[in-house]
Amino acid sequence: MILSISGVILLGIIVFLFFRKDGLKGSHAVVCGLFGFFVSGTAIAPSIKAGSASLASLLGGIKF
């Protein structure tokens, strides 16, 4: 759950920055949001969630 919330916040910030700096139109942001909403209901959603969790654990295990 925490990965989902932080992922949503991170993606929201990225979309906001694109909207403000790179000329992302509001309609593009709506399409991106709807795409994510509809992808979450498909059969590929568990694979995407597992891949993002794996990436998060990989990045979390990096020692500086």
PDB file of N, CA and C in Angstrom:
ATOM      1  N   MET A   1       0.815  -1.181   0.000  1.00  0.00           N
ATOM      2  CA  MET A   1       0.000   0.000   0.000  1.00  0.00           C
ATOM      3  C   MET A   1       0.866   1.255   0.000  1.00  0.00           C
ATOM      4  N   ILE A   2       1.930   1.259   0.784  1.00  0.00           N
ATOM      5  CA  ILE A   2       2.792   2.437   0.839  1.00  0.00           C
ATOM      6  C   ILE A   2       3.466   2.664  -0.496  1.00  0.00           C
ATOM      7  N   LEU A   3       3.863   1.580  -1.173  1.00  0.00           N
ATOM      8  CA  LEU A   3       4.468   1.718  -2.499  1.00  0.00           C
ATOM      9  C   LEU A   3       3.475   2.328  -3.472  1.00  0.00           C
ATOM     10  N   SER A   4       2.225   1.949  -3.387  1.00  0.00           N
ATOM     11  CA  SER A   4       1.200   2.501  -4.273  1.00  0.00           C
ATOM     12  C   SER A   4       1.004   3.985  -4.026  1.00  0.00           C
ATOM     13  N   ILE A   5       0.936   4.374  -2.758  1.00  0.00           N
ATOM     14  CA  ILE A   5       0.721   5.778  -2.430  1.00  0.00           C
ATOM     15  C   ILE A   5       1.920   6.616  -2.854  1.00  0.00           C
ATOM     16  N   SER A   6       3.120   6.150  -2.550  1.00  0.00           N
ATOM     17  CA  SER A   6       4.307   6.916  -2.932  1.00  0.00           C
ATOM     18  C   SER A   6       4.469   6.940  -4.448  1.00  0.00           C
ATOM     19  N   GLY A   7       4.113   5.864  -5.114  1.00  0.00           N
ATOM     20  CA  GLY A   7       4.172   5.850  -6.574  1.00  0.00           C
ATOM     21  C   GLY A   7       3.195   6.827  -7.188  1.00  0.00           C
ATOM     22  N   VAL A   8       1.998   6.902  -6.627  1.00  0.00           N
ATOM     23  CA  VAL A   8       1.000   7.846  -7.116  1.00  0.00           C
ATOM     24  C   VAL A   8       1.468   9.274  -6.884  1.00  0.00           C
ATOM     25  N   ILE A   9       2.041   9.537  -5.722  1.00  0.00           N
ATOM     26  CA  ILE A   9       2.543  10.885  -5.427  1.00  0.00           C
ATOM     27  C   ILE A   9       3.683  11.245  -6.371  1.00  0.00           C
ATOM     28  N   LEU A  10       4.620  10.327  -6.572  1.00  0.00           N
ATOM     29  CA  LEU A  10       5.739  10.586  -7.477  1.00  0.00           C
ATOM     30  C   LEU A  10       5.256  10.839  -8.902  1.00  0.00           C
ATOM     31  N   LEU A  11       4.378   9.996  -9.402  1.00  0.00           N
ATOM     32  CA  LEU A  11       3.860  10.186 -10.753  1.00  0.00           C
ATOM     33  C   LEU A  11       3.035  11.460 -10.859  1.00  0.00           C
ATOM     34  N   GLY A  12       2.317  11.792  -9.804  1.00  0.00           N
ATOM     35  CA  GLY A  12       1.569  13.044  -9.794  1.00  0.00           C
ATOM     36  C   GLY A  12       2.475  14.253  -9.876  1.00  0.00           C
ATOM     37  N   ILE A  13       3.598  14.206  -9.159  1.00  0.00           N
ATOM     38  CA  ILE A  13       4.574  15.303  -9.215  1.00  0.00           C
ATOM     39  C   ILE A  13       5.174  15.404 -10.609  1.00  0.00           C
ATOM     40  N   ILE A  14       5.499  14.266 -11.210  1.00  0.00           N
ATOM     41  CA  ILE A  14       6.071  14.271 -12.564  1.00  0.00           C
ATOM     42  C   ILE A  14       5.084  14.853 -13.562  1.00  0.00           C
ATOM     43  N   VAL A  15       3.821  14.446 -13.465  1.00  0.00           N
ATOM     44  CA  VAL A  15       2.804  14.987 -14.369  1.00  0.00           C
ATOM     45  C   VAL A  15       2.645  16.483 -14.148  1.00  0.00           C
ATOM     46  N   PHE A  16       2.663  16.915 -12.884  1.00  0.00           N
ATOM     47  CA  PHE A  16       2.553  18.347 -12.589  1.00  0.00           C
ATOM     48  C   PHE A  16       3.727  19.120 -13.182  1.00  0.00           C
ATOM     49  N   LEU A  17       4.950  18.580 -13.052  1.00  0.00           N
ATOM     50  CA  LEU A  17       6.118  19.257 -13.617  1.00  0.00           C
ATOM     51  C   LEU A  17       6.043  19.315 -15.133  1.00  0.00           C
ATOM     52  N   PHE A  18       5.610  18.235 -15.756  1.00  0.00           N
ATOM     53  CA  PHE A  18       5.414  18.258 -17.208  1.00  0.00           C
ATOM     54  C   PHE A  18       4.377  19.302 -17.594  1.00  0.00           C
ATOM     55  N   PHE A  19       3.317  19.375 -16.808  1.00  0.00           N
ATOM     56  CA  PHE A  19       2.247  20.331 -17.084  1.00  0.00           C
ATOM     57  C   PHE A  19       2.748  21.766 -16.983  1.00  0.00           C
ATOM     58  N   ARG A  20       3.579  22.040 -15.981  1.00  0.00           N
ATOM     59  CA  ARG A  20       4.056  23.400 -15.747  1.00  0.00           C
ATOM     60  C   ARG A  20       5.239  23.779 -16.636  1.00  0.00           C
ATOM     61  N   LYS A  21       6.167  22.870 -16.850  1.00  0.00           N
ATOM     62  CA  LYS A  21       7.427  23.212 -17.517  1.00  0.00           C
ATOM     63  C   LYS A  21       7.487  22.820 -18.990  1.00  0.00           C
ATOM     64  N   ASP A  22       6.953  21.672 -19.340  1.00  0.00           N
ATOM     65  CA  ASP A  22       7.128  21.147 -20.690  1.00  0.00           C
ATOM     66  C   ASP A  22       5.889  21.273 -21.569  1.00  0.00           C
ATOM     67  N   GLY A  23       4.891  21.980 -21.091  1.00  0.00           N
ATOM     68  CA  GLY A  23       3.725  22.212 -21.922  1.00  0.00           C
ATOM     69  C   GLY A  23       2.765  21.049 -22.028  1.00  0.00           C
ATOM     70  N   LEU A  24       2.714  20.199 -21.019  1.00  0.00           N
ATOM     71  CA  LEU A  24       1.736  19.120 -21.024  1.00  0.00           C
ATOM     72  C   LEU A  24       0.355  19.748 -20.870  1.00  0.00           C
ATOM     73  N   LYS A  25      -0.506  19.426 -21.769  1.00  0.00           N
ATOM     74  CA  LYS A  25      -1.842  20.001 -21.722  1.00  0.00           C
ATOM     75  C   LYS A  25      -2.704  19.239 -20.719  1.00  0.00           C
ATOM     76  N   GLY A  26      -3.723  19.900 -20.256  1.00  0.00           N
ATOM     77  CA  GLY A  26      -4.624  19.279 -19.293  1.00  0.00           C
ATOM     78  C   GLY A  26      -5.262  18.015 -19.823  1.00  0.00           C
ATOM     79  N   SER A  27      -5.580  18.025 -21.120  1.00  0.00           N
ATOM     80  CA  SER A  27      -6.183  16.830 -21.716  1.00  0.00           C
ATOM     81  C   SER A  27      -5.208  15.656 -21.710  1.00  0.00           C
ATOM     82  N   HIS A  28      -3.919  15.948 -21.885  1.00  0.00           N
ATOM     83  CA  HIS A  28      -2.914  14.877 -21.832  1.00  0.00           C
ATOM     84  C   HIS A  28      -2.847  14.281 -20.428  1.00  0.00           C
ATOM     85  N   ALA A  29      -2.903  15.146 -19.413  1.00  0.00           N
ATOM     86  CA  ALA A  29      -2.861  14.662 -18.036  1.00  0.00           C
ATOM     87  C   ALA A  29      -4.086  13.806 -17.729  1.00  0.00           C
ATOM     88  N   VAL A  30      -5.234  14.199 -18.233  1.00  0.00           N
ATOM     89  CA  VAL A  30      -6.450  13.412 -18.022  1.00  0.00           C
ATOM     90  C   VAL A  30      -6.333  12.057 -18.701  1.00  0.00           C
ATOM     91  N   VAL A  31      -5.798  12.036 -19.909  1.00  0.00           N
ATOM     92  CA  VAL A  31      -5.622  10.771 -20.626  1.00  0.00           C
ATOM     93  C   VAL A  31      -4.640   9.871 -19.878  1.00  0.00           C
ATOM     94  N   CYS A  32      -3.551  10.446 -19.358  1.00  0.00           N
ATOM     95  CA  CYS A  32      -2.589   9.648 -18.579  1.00  0.00           C
ATOM     96  C   CYS A  32      -3.250   9.061 -17.337  1.00  0.00           C
ATOM     97  N   GLY A  33      -4.043   9.861 -16.651  1.00  0.00           N
ATOM     98  CA  GLY A  33      -4.735   9.378 -15.463  1.00  0.00           C
ATOM     99  C   GLY A  33      -5.737   8.284 -15.785  1.00  0.00           C
ATOM    100  N   LEU A  34      -6.505   8.475 -16.835  1.00  0.00           N
ATOM    101  CA  LEU A  34      -7.477   7.454 -17.233  1.00  0.00           C
ATOM    102  C   LEU A  34      -6.793   6.173 -17.683  1.00  0.00           C
ATOM    103  N   PHE A  35      -5.658   6.322 -18.387  1.00  0.00           N
ATOM    104  CA  PHE A  35      -4.902   5.149 -18.815  1.00  0.00           C
ATOM    105  C   PHE A  35      -4.457   4.337 -17.602  1.00  0.00           C
ATOM    106  N   GLY A  36      -3.892   5.013 -16.615  1.00  0.00           N
ATOM    107  CA  GLY A  36      -3.462   4.326 -15.399  1.00  0.00           C
ATOM    108  C   GLY A  36      -4.623   3.673 -14.661  1.00  0.00           C
ATOM    109  N   PHE A  37      -5.751   4.370 -14.624  1.00  0.00           N
ATOM    110  CA  PHE A  37      -6.939   3.827 -13.959  1.00  0.00           C
ATOM    111  C   PHE A  37      -7.421   2.564 -14.646  1.00  0.00           C
ATOM    112  N   PHE A  38      -7.482   2.585 -15.967  1.00  0.00           N
ATOM    113  CA  PHE A  38      -7.975   1.425 -16.689  1.00  0.00           C
ATOM    114  C   PHE A  38      -6.955   0.286 -16.737  1.00  0.00           C
ATOM    115  N   VAL A  39      -5.673   0.598 -16.752  1.00  0.00           N
ATOM    116  CA  VAL A  39      -4.653  -0.459 -16.729  1.00  0.00           C
ATOM    117  C   VAL A  39      -4.701  -1.209 -15.403  1.00  0.00           C
ATOM    118  N   SER A  40      -5.046  -0.506 -14.325  1.00  0.00           N
ATOM    119  CA  SER A  40      -5.084  -1.159 -13.016  1.00  0.00           C
ATOM    120  C   SER A  40      -6.162  -2.236 -12.939  1.00  0.00           C
ATOM    121  N   GLY A  41      -7.120  -2.193 -13.836  1.00  0.00           N
ATOM    122  CA  GLY A  41      -8.173  -3.196 -13.835  1.00  0.00           C
ATOM    123  C   GLY A  41      -7.951  -4.340 -14.805  1.00  0.00           C
ATOM    124  N   THR A  42      -6.822  -4.373 -15.478  1.00  0.00           N
ATOM    125  CA  THR A  42      -6.564  -5.427 -16.452  1.00  0.00           C
ATOM    126  C   THR A  42      -5.783  -6.578 -15.837  1.00  0.00           C
ATOM    127  N   ALA A  43      -5.547  -7.595 -16.638  1.00  0.00           N
ATOM    128  CA  ALA A  43      -4.804  -8.773 -16.170  1.00  0.00           C
ATOM    129  C   ALA A  43      -3.314  -8.488 -16.015  1.00  0.00           C
ATOM    130  N   ILE A  44      -2.806  -7.431 -16.623  1.00  0.00           N
ATOM    131  CA  ILE A  44      -1.387  -7.124 -16.534  1.00  0.00           C
ATOM    132  C   ILE A  44      -1.042  -6.335 -15.264  1.00  0.00           C
ATOM    133  N   ALA A  45      -2.051  -5.859 -14.536  1.00  0.00           N
ATOM    134  CA  ALA A  45      -1.823  -5.052 -13.335  1.00  0.00           C
ATOM    135  C   ALA A  45      -0.954  -5.761 -12.284  1.00  0.00           C
ATOM    136  N   PRO A  46      -1.180  -7.055 -11.978  1.00  0.00           N
ATOM    137  CA  PRO A  46      -0.308  -7.710 -10.992  1.00  0.00           C
ATOM    138  C   PRO A  46       1.163  -7.771 -11.439  1.00  0.00           C
ATOM    139  N   SER A  47       1.392  -7.928 -12.731  1.00  0.00           N
ATOM    140  CA  SER A  47       2.771  -7.950 -13.233  1.00  0.00           C
ATOM    141  C   SER A  47       3.424  -6.584 -13.082  1.00  0.00           C
ATOM    142  N   ILE A  48       2.683  -5.530 -13.371  1.00  0.00           N
ATOM    143  CA  ILE A  48       3.218  -4.178 -13.212  1.00  0.00           C
ATOM    144  C   ILE A  48       3.500  -3.902 -11.745  1.00  0.00           C
ATOM    145  N   LYS A  49       2.599  -4.316 -10.862  1.00  0.00           N
ATOM    146  CA  LYS A  49       2.792  -4.104  -9.425  1.00  0.00           C
ATOM    147  C   LYS A  49       4.009  -4.885  -8.920  1.00  0.00           C
ATOM    148  N   ALA A  50       4.172  -6.130  -9.365  1.00  0.00           N
ATOM    149  CA  ALA A  50       5.317  -6.937  -8.948  1.00  0.00           C
ATOM    150  C   ALA A  50       6.621  -6.339  -9.478  1.00  0.00           C
ATOM    151  N   GLY A  51       6.604  -5.860 -10.708  1.00  0.00           N
ATOM    152  CA  GLY A  51       7.802  -5.236 -11.271  1.00  0.00           C
ATOM    153  C   GLY A  51       8.182  -3.958 -10.546  1.00  0.00           C
ATOM    154  N   SER A  52       7.193  -3.150 -10.196  1.00  0.00           N
ATOM    155  CA  SER A  52       7.504  -1.913  -9.482  1.00  0.00           C
ATOM    156  C   SER A  52       7.970  -2.203  -8.060  1.00  0.00           C
ATOM    157  N   ALA A  53       7.414  -3.234  -7.419  1.00  0.00           N
ATOM    158  CA  ALA A  53       7.876  -3.620  -6.082  1.00  0.00           C
ATOM    159  C   ALA A  53       9.306  -4.149  -6.143  1.00  0.00           C
ATOM    160  N   SER A  54       9.627  -4.900  -7.183  1.00  0.00           N
ATOM    161  CA  SER A  54      10.981  -5.416  -7.350  1.00  0.00           C
ATOM    162  C   SER A  54      11.978  -4.279  -7.575  1.00  0.00           C
ATOM    163  N   LEU A  55      11.585  -3.322  -8.399  1.00  0.00           N
ATOM    164  CA  LEU A  55      12.438  -2.167  -8.642  1.00  0.00           C
ATOM    165  C   LEU A  55      12.639  -1.340  -7.375  1.00  0.00           C
ATOM    166  N   ALA A  56      11.570  -1.184  -6.600  1.00  0.00           N
ATOM    167  CA  ALA A  56      11.668  -0.428  -5.347  1.00  0.00           C
ATOM    168  C   ALA A  56      12.601  -1.122  -4.357  1.00  0.00           C
ATOM    169  N   SER A  57      12.515  -2.448  -4.264  1.00  0.00           N
ATOM    170  CA  SER A  57      13.415  -3.166  -3.353  1.00  0.00           C
ATOM    171  C   SER A  57      14.858  -3.129  -3.849  1.00  0.00           C
ATOM    172  N   LEU A  58      15.046  -3.147  -5.166  1.00  0.00           N
ATOM    173  CA  LEU A  58      16.385  -3.039  -5.728  1.00  0.00           C
ATOM    174  C   LEU A  58      16.989  -1.680  -5.398  1.00  0.00           C
ATOM    175  N   LEU A  59      16.209  -0.616  -5.614  1.00  0.00           N
ATOM    176  CA  LEU A  59      16.691   0.733  -5.322  1.00  0.00           C
ATOM    177  C   LEU A  59      16.860   0.950  -3.824  1.00  0.00           C
ATOM    178  N   GLY A  60      16.019   0.315  -3.029  1.00  0.00           N
ATOM    179  CA  GLY A  60      16.141   0.428  -1.574  1.00  0.00           C
ATOM    180  C   GLY A  60      17.349  -0.288  -1.028  1.00  0.00           C
ATOM    181  N   GLY A  61      17.865  -1.266  -1.746  1.00  0.00           N
ATOM    182  CA  GLY A  61      19.020  -2.031  -1.278  1.00  0.00           C
ATOM    183  C   GLY A  61      20.359  -1.444  -1.679  1.00  0.00           C
ATOM    184  N   ILE A  62      20.350  -0.349  -2.430  1.00  0.00           N
ATOM    185  CA  ILE A  62      21.607   0.278  -2.856  1.00  0.00           C
ATOM    186  C   ILE A  62      22.245   0.994  -1.671  1.00  0.00           C
ATOM    187  N   LYS A  63      23.492   0.691  -1.422  1.00  0.00           N
ATOM    188  CA  LYS A  63      24.241   1.338  -0.332  1.00  0.00           C
ATOM    189  C   LYS A  63      25.233   2.333  -0.925  1.00  0.00           C
ATOM    190  N   PHE A  64      25.274   3.493  -0.330  1.00  0.00           N
ATOM    191  CA  PHE A  64      26.199   4.527  -0.803  1.00  0.00           C
ATOM    192  C   PHE A  64      27.414   4.603   0.059  1.00  0.00           C
TER     193      PHE A  64
END
